[in-house]
Amino acid sequence: MVRHAFTEAEVLKRIRVECNKLGSQKAYAEFCGVGHSYIRRVLCGDRSPTPAILKPLGLKRIVTYVRAA
């Protein structure tokens, strides 16, 4: 099975879509069990999404390092 790797922009877009579905960033934050200010900071690019934020999207964060050219 081939898994799609999402860009950060795609993940942020999915978070925004979920916020809109639930009515607000605060509602999505409560759903995820995190503070609403953290969701705002993630969407502004100041913080990375936590597992609690990614889990409802069916995602997890994996960091990959590759050899420099």
PDB file of N, CA and C in Angstrom:
ATOM      1  N   MET A   1       0.848  -1.182   0.000  1.00  0.00           N
ATOM      2  CA  MET A   1       0.000   0.000   0.000  1.00  0.00           C
ATOM      3  C   MET A   1       0.890   1.240   0.000  1.00  0.00           C
ATOM      4  N   VAL A   2       0.620   2.143  -0.927  1.00  0.00           N
ATOM      5  CA  VAL A   2       1.365   3.387  -1.021  1.00  0.00           C
ATOM      6  C   VAL A   2       0.650   4.447  -0.185  1.00  0.00           C
ATOM      7  N   ARG A   3       1.408   5.130   0.660  1.00  0.00           N
ATOM      8  CA  ARG A   3       0.825   6.185   1.491  1.00  0.00           C
ATOM      9  C   ARG A   3       1.193   7.538   0.916  1.00  0.00           C
ATOM     10  N   HIS A   4       0.237   8.431   0.936  1.00  0.00           N
ATOM     11  CA  HIS A   4       0.462   9.788   0.452  1.00  0.00           C
ATOM     12  C   HIS A   4       1.137  10.606   1.542  1.00  0.00           C
ATOM     13  N   ALA A   5       2.197  11.299   1.180  1.00  0.00           N
ATOM     14  CA  ALA A   5       2.848  12.222   2.118  1.00  0.00           C
ATOM     15  C   ALA A   5       2.261  13.609   1.870  1.00  0.00           C
ATOM     16  N   PHE A   6       1.763  14.229   2.919  1.00  0.00           N
ATOM     17  CA  PHE A   6       1.151  15.541   2.812  1.00  0.00           C
ATOM     18  C   PHE A   6       2.176  16.636   3.076  1.00  0.00           C
ATOM     19  N   THR A   7       2.036  17.727   2.378  1.00  0.00           N
ATOM     20  CA  THR A   7       2.858  18.897   2.678  1.00  0.00           C
ATOM     21  C   THR A   7       2.282  19.587   3.908  1.00  0.00           C
ATOM     22  N   GLU A   8       3.075  20.440   4.505  1.00  0.00           N
ATOM     23  CA  GLU A   8       2.577  21.201   5.653  1.00  0.00           C
ATOM     24  C   GLU A   8       1.374  22.042   5.257  1.00  0.00           C
ATOM     25  N   ALA A   9       1.418  22.626   4.063  1.00  0.00           N
ATOM     26  CA  ALA A   9       0.299  23.446   3.587  1.00  0.00           C
ATOM     27  C   ALA A   9      -0.977  22.619   3.470  1.00  0.00           C
ATOM     28  N   GLU A  10      -0.865  21.378   2.998  1.00  0.00           N
ATOM     29  CA  GLU A  10      -2.043  20.513   2.876  1.00  0.00           C
ATOM     30  C   GLU A  10      -2.615  20.167   4.252  1.00  0.00           C
ATOM     31  N   VAL A  11      -1.730  19.923   5.217  1.00  0.00           N
ATOM     32  CA  VAL A  11      -2.185  19.610   6.568  1.00  0.00           C
ATOM     33  C   VAL A  11      -2.900  20.814   7.176  1.00  0.00           C
ATOM     34  N   LEU A  12      -2.318  21.992   7.018  1.00  0.00           N
ATOM     35  CA  LEU A  12      -2.946  23.196   7.558  1.00  0.00           C
ATOM     36  C   LEU A  12      -4.303  23.448   6.906  1.00  0.00           C
ATOM     37  N   LYS A  13      -4.395  23.168   5.615  1.00  0.00           N
ATOM     38  CA  LYS A  13      -5.684  23.329   4.923  1.00  0.00           C
ATOM     39  C   LYS A  13      -6.718  22.370   5.498  1.00  0.00           C
ATOM     40  N   ARG A  14      -6.307  21.134   5.784  1.00  0.00           N
ATOM     41  CA  ARG A  14      -7.238  20.157   6.353  1.00  0.00           C
ATOM     42  C   ARG A  14      -7.686  20.582   7.749  1.00  0.00           C
ATOM     43  N   ILE A  15      -6.770  21.157   8.525  1.00  0.00           N
ATOM     44  CA  ILE A  15      -7.136  21.654   9.855  1.00  0.00           C
ATOM     45  C   ILE A  15      -8.144  22.782   9.716  1.00  0.00           C
ATOM     46  N   ARG A  16      -7.916  23.697   8.782  1.00  0.00           N
ATOM     47  CA  ARG A  16      -8.857  24.803   8.561  1.00  0.00           C
ATOM     48  C   ARG A  16     -10.236  24.289   8.155  1.00  0.00           C
ATOM     49  N   VAL A  17     -10.257  23.276   7.300  1.00  0.00           N
ATOM     50  CA  VAL A  17     -11.533  22.685   6.878  1.00  0.00           C
ATOM     51  C   VAL A  17     -12.273  22.119   8.086  1.00  0.00           C
ATOM     52  N   GLU A  18     -11.560  21.421   8.957  1.00  0.00           N
ATOM     53  CA  GLU A  18     -12.196  20.859  10.159  1.00  0.00           C
ATOM     54  C   GLU A  18     -12.698  21.964  11.085  1.00  0.00           C
ATOM     55  N   CYS A  19     -11.912  23.024  11.219  1.00  0.00           N
ATOM     56  CA  CYS A  19     -12.360  24.169  12.029  1.00  0.00           C
ATOM     57  C   CYS A  19     -13.666  24.727  11.474  1.00  0.00           C
ATOM     58  N   ASN A  20     -13.736  24.863  10.164  1.00  0.00           N
ATOM     59  CA  ASN A  20     -14.956  25.380   9.533  1.00  0.00           C
ATOM     60  C   ASN A  20     -16.136  24.430   9.724  1.00  0.00           C
ATOM     61  N   LYS A  21     -15.881  23.116   9.621  1.00  0.00           N
ATOM     62  CA  LYS A  21     -16.952  22.134   9.810  1.00  0.00           C
ATOM     63  C   LYS A  21     -17.537  22.224  11.213  1.00  0.00           C
ATOM     64  N   LEU A  22     -16.656  22.426  12.203  1.00  0.00           N
ATOM     65  CA  LEU A  22     -17.108  22.488  13.588  1.00  0.00           C
ATOM     66  C   LEU A  22     -17.544  23.892  14.000  1.00  0.00           C
ATOM     67  N   GLY A  23     -17.291  24.872  13.139  1.00  0.00           N
ATOM     68  CA  GLY A  23     -17.771  26.223  13.395  1.00  0.00           C
ATOM     69  C   GLY A  23     -16.737  27.218  13.859  1.00  0.00           C
ATOM     70  N   SER A  24     -15.598  26.731  14.374  1.00  0.00           N
ATOM     71  CA  SER A  24     -14.562  27.668  14.830  1.00  0.00           C
ATOM     72  C   SER A  24     -13.290  26.916  15.189  1.00  0.00           C
ATOM     73  N   GLN A  25     -12.200  27.669  15.310  1.00  0.00           N
ATOM     74  CA  GLN A  25     -10.942  27.102  15.785  1.00  0.00           C
ATOM     75  C   GLN A  25     -11.109  26.614  17.219  1.00  0.00           C
ATOM     76  N   LYS A  26     -11.862  27.366  18.008  1.00  0.00           N
ATOM     77  CA  LYS A  26     -12.087  26.993  19.404  1.00  0.00           C
ATOM     78  C   LYS A  26     -12.802  25.643  19.487  1.00  0.00           C
ATOM     79  N   ALA A  27     -13.797  25.435  18.642  1.00  0.00           N
ATOM     80  CA  ALA A  27     -14.540  24.172  18.653  1.00  0.00           C
ATOM     81  C   ALA A  27     -13.631  23.006  18.266  1.00  0.00           C
ATOM     82  N   TYR A  28     -12.782  23.206  17.262  1.00  0.00           N
ATOM     83  CA  TYR A  28     -11.859  22.136  16.869  1.00  0.00           C
ATOM     84  C   TYR A  28     -10.853  21.871  17.981  1.00  0.00           C
ATOM     85  N   ALA A  29     -10.367  22.921  18.619  1.00  0.00           N
ATOM     86  CA  ALA A  29      -9.425  22.771  19.728  1.00  0.00           C
ATOM     87  C   ALA A  29     -10.050  21.951  20.854  1.00  0.00           C
ATOM     88  N   GLU A  30     -11.290  22.262  21.203  1.00  0.00           N
ATOM     89  CA  GLU A  30     -11.987  21.509  22.255  1.00  0.00           C
ATOM     90  C   GLU A  30     -12.163  20.054  21.842  1.00  0.00           C
ATOM     91  N   PHE A  31     -12.488  19.821  20.585  1.00  0.00           N
ATOM     92  CA  PHE A  31     -12.640  18.470  20.058  1.00  0.00           C
ATOM     93  C   PHE A  31     -11.337  17.687  20.187  1.00  0.00           C
ATOM     94  N   CYS A  32     -10.218  18.365  19.956  1.00  0.00           N
ATOM     95  CA  CYS A  32      -8.896  17.724  20.013  1.00  0.00           C
ATOM     96  C   CYS A  32      -8.322  17.665  21.423  1.00  0.00           C
ATOM     97  N   GLY A  33      -8.880  18.459  22.329  1.00  0.00           N
ATOM     98  CA  GLY A  33      -8.370  18.494  23.690  1.00  0.00           C
ATOM     99  C   GLY A  33      -7.149  19.380  23.858  1.00  0.00           C
ATOM    100  N   VAL A  34      -7.057  20.413  23.021  1.00  0.00           N
ATOM    101  CA  VAL A  34      -5.958  21.375  23.130  1.00  0.00           C
ATOM    102  C   VAL A  34      -6.542  22.775  23.278  1.00  0.00           C
ATOM    103  N   GLY A  35      -5.712  23.723  23.642  1.00  0.00           N
ATOM    104  CA  GLY A  35      -6.168  25.098  23.774  1.00  0.00           C
ATOM    105  C   GLY A  35      -6.408  25.744  22.420  1.00  0.00           C
ATOM    106  N   HIS A  36      -7.397  26.635  22.367  1.00  0.00           N
ATOM    107  CA  HIS A  36      -7.699  27.281  21.081  1.00  0.00           C
ATOM    108  C   HIS A  36      -6.559  28.165  20.605  1.00  0.00           C
ATOM    109  N   SER A  37      -5.777  28.703  21.520  1.00  0.00           N
ATOM    110  CA  SER A  37      -4.646  29.534  21.102  1.00  0.00           C
ATOM    111  C   SER A  37      -3.573  28.690  20.425  1.00  0.00           C
ATOM    112  N   TYR A  38      -3.480  27.410  20.810  1.00  0.00           N
ATOM    113  CA  TYR A  38      -2.495  26.541  20.154  1.00  0.00           C
ATOM    114  C   TYR A  38      -2.902  26.275  18.705  1.00  0.00           C
ATOM    115  N   ILE A  39      -4.186  26.055  18.476  1.00  0.00           N
ATOM    116  CA  ILE A  39      -4.666  25.861  17.096  1.00  0.00           C
ATOM    117  C   ILE A  39      -4.341  27.100  16.264  1.00  0.00           C
ATOM    118  N   ARG A  40      -4.586  28.271  16.831  1.00  0.00           N
ATOM    119  CA  ARG A  40      -4.290  29.512  16.117  1.00  0.00           C
ATOM    120  C   ARG A  40      -2.807  29.590  15.781  1.00  0.00           C
ATOM    121  N   ARG A  41      -1.950  29.221  16.711  1.00  0.00           N
ATOM    122  CA  ARG A  41      -0.504  29.282  16.481  1.00  0.00           C
ATOM    123  C   ARG A  41      -0.056  28.269  15.435  1.00  0.00           C
ATOM    124  N   VAL A  42      -0.707  27.115  15.410  1.00  0.00           N
ATOM    125  CA  VAL A  42      -0.410  26.123  14.364  1.00  0.00           C
ATOM    126  C   VAL A  42      -0.785  26.686  13.004  1.00  0.00           C
ATOM    127  N   LEU A  43      -1.978  27.255  12.901  1.00  0.00           N
ATOM    128  CA  LEU A  43      -2.443  27.777  11.612  1.00  0.00           C
ATOM    129  C   LEU A  43      -1.657  28.991  11.151  1.00  0.00           C
ATOM    130  N   CYS A  44      -1.027  29.703  12.092  1.00  0.00           N
ATOM    131  CA  CYS A  44      -0.158  30.837  11.741  1.00  0.00           C
ATOM    132  C   CYS A  44       1.264  30.390  11.404  1.00  0.00           C
ATOM    133  N   GLY A  45       1.564  29.116  11.635  1.00  0.00           N
ATOM    134  CA  GLY A  45       2.899  28.605  11.345  1.00  0.00           C
ATOM    135  C   GLY A  45       3.881  28.766  12.483  1.00  0.00           C
ATOM    136  N   ASP A  46       3.412  29.190  13.650  1.00  0.00           N
ATOM    137  CA  ASP A  46       4.300  29.386  14.796  1.00  0.00           C
ATOM    138  C   ASP A  46       4.598  28.079  15.525  1.00  0.00           C
ATOM    139  N   ARG A  47       3.734  27.085  15.410  1.00  0.00           N
ATOM    140  CA  ARG A  47       3.875  25.795  16.095  1.00  0.00           C
ATOM    141  C   ARG A  47       3.538  24.668  15.131  1.00  0.00           C
ATOM    142  N   SER A  48       4.042  23.491  15.449  1.00  0.00           N
ATOM    143  CA  SER A  48       3.716  22.299  14.661  1.00  0.00           C
ATOM    144  C   SER A  48       2.480  21.630  15.245  1.00  0.00           C
ATOM    145  N   PRO A  49       1.691  20.986  14.394  1.00  0.00           N
ATOM    146  CA  PRO A  49       0.528  20.265  14.906  1.00  0.00           C
ATOM    147  C   PRO A  49       0.968  19.118  15.828  1.00  0.00           C
ATOM    148  N   THR A  50       0.282  18.962  16.937  1.00  0.00           N
ATOM    149  CA  THR A  50       0.567  17.877  17.874  1.00  0.00           C
ATOM    150  C   THR A  50      -0.184  16.623  17.434  1.00  0.00           C
ATOM    151  N   PRO A  51       0.183  15.467  17.994  1.00  0.00           N
ATOM    152  CA  PRO A  51      -0.580  14.248  17.681  1.00  0.00           C
ATOM    153  C   PRO A  51      -2.075  14.397  17.972  1.00  0.00           C
ATOM    154  N   ALA A  52      -2.435  15.130  19.011  1.00  0.00           N
ATOM    155  CA  ALA A  52      -3.851  15.329  19.336  1.00  0.00           C
ATOM    156  C   ALA A  52      -4.584  16.079  18.230  1.00  0.00           C
ATOM    157  N   ILE A  53      -3.903  16.971  17.548  1.00  0.00           N
ATOM    158  CA  ILE A  53      -4.504  17.739  16.453  1.00  0.00           C
ATOM    159  C   ILE A  53      -4.554  16.909  15.176  1.00  0.00           C
ATOM    160  N   LEU A  54      -3.539  16.074  14.968  1.00  0.00           N
ATOM    161  CA  LEU A  54      -3.456  15.273  13.749  1.00  0.00           C
ATOM    162  C   LEU A  54      -4.326  14.024  13.776  1.00  0.00           C
ATOM    163  N   LYS A  55      -4.520  13.443  14.943  1.00  0.00           N
ATOM    164  CA  LYS A  55      -5.247  12.178  15.049  1.00  0.00           C
ATOM    165  C   LYS A  55      -6.656  12.243  14.460  1.00  0.00           C
ATOM    166  N   PRO A  56      -7.451  13.292  14.741  1.00  0.00           N
ATOM    167  CA  PRO A  56      -8.792  13.346  14.140  1.00  0.00           C
ATOM    168  C   PRO A  56      -8.765  13.409  12.608  1.00  0.00           C
ATOM    169  N   LEU A  57      -7.629  13.799  12.044  1.00  0.00           N
ATOM    170  CA  LEU A  57      -7.488  13.858  10.586  1.00  0.00           C
ATOM    171  C   LEU A  57      -6.972  12.541  10.021  1.00  0.00           C
ATOM    172  N   GLY A  58      -6.653  11.594  10.910  1.00  0.00           N
ATOM    173  CA  GLY A  58      -6.093  10.322  10.461  1.00  0.00           C
ATOM    174  C   GLY A  58      -4.647  10.450  10.040  1.00  0.00           C
ATOM    175  N   LEU A  59      -3.949  11.426  10.616  1.00  0.00           N
ATOM    176  CA  LEU A  59      -2.564  11.691  10.239  1.00  0.00           C
ATOM    177  C   LEU A  59      -1.628  11.534  11.434  1.00  0.00           C
ATOM    178  N   LYS A  60      -0.356  11.327  11.138  1.00  0.00           N
ATOM    179  CA  LYS A  60       0.687  11.417  12.141  1.00  0.00           C
ATOM    180  C   LYS A  60       1.889  12.082  11.493  1.00  0.00           C
ATOM    181  N   ARG A  61       2.710  12.723  12.309  1.00  0.00           N
ATOM    182  CA  ARG A  61       3.874  13.459  11.804  1.00  0.00           C
ATOM    183  C   ARG A  61       5.087  12.547  11.828  1.00  0.00           C
ATOM    184  N   ILE A  62       5.784  12.494  10.692  1.00  0.00           N
ATOM    185  CA  ILE A  62       7.028  11.745  10.580  1.00  0.00           C
ATOM    186  C   ILE A  62       8.056  12.686   9.982  1.00  0.00           C
ATOM    187  N   VAL A  63       9.188  12.824  10.633  1.00  0.00           N
ATOM    188  CA  VAL A  63      10.269  13.679  10.139  1.00  0.00           C
ATOM    189  C   VAL A  63      11.278  12.805   9.410  1.00  0.00           C
ATOM    190  N   THR A  64      11.687  13.229   8.235  1.00  0.00           N
ATOM    191  CA  THR A  64      12.643  12.472   7.434  1.00  0.00           C
ATOM    192  C   THR A  64      13.857  13.339   7.147  1.00  0.00           C
ATOM    193  N   TYR A  65      15.009  12.719   7.285  1.00  0.00           N
ATOM    194  CA  TYR A  65      16.257  13.388   6.934  1.00  0.00           C
ATOM    195  C   TYR A  65      16.847  12.685   5.722  1.00  0.00           C
ATOM    196  N   VAL A  66      17.371  13.472   4.794  1.00  0.00           N
ATOM    197  CA  VAL A  66      17.996  12.906   3.598  1.00  0.00           C
ATOM    198  C   VAL A  66      19.386  13.494   3.441  1.00  0.00           C
ATOM    199  N   ARG A  67      20.218  12.793   2.718  1.00  0.00           N
ATOM    200  CA  ARG A  67      21.596  13.223   2.484  1.00  0.00           C
ATOM    201  C   ARG A  67      21.611  14.470   1.608  1.00  0.00           C
ATOM    202  N   ALA A  68      22.392  15.444   2.023  1.00  0.00           N
ATOM    203  CA  ALA A  68      22.535  16.666   1.231  1.00  0.00           C
ATOM    204  C   ALA A  68      23.300  16.376  -0.043  1.00  0.00           C
ATOM    205  N   ALA A  69      22.986  17.081  -1.092  1.00  0.00           N
ATOM    206  CA  ALA A  69      23.645  16.879  -2.384  1.00  0.00           C
ATOM    207  C   ALA A  69      25.077  17.371  -2.361  1.00  0.00           C
TER     208      ALA A  69
END
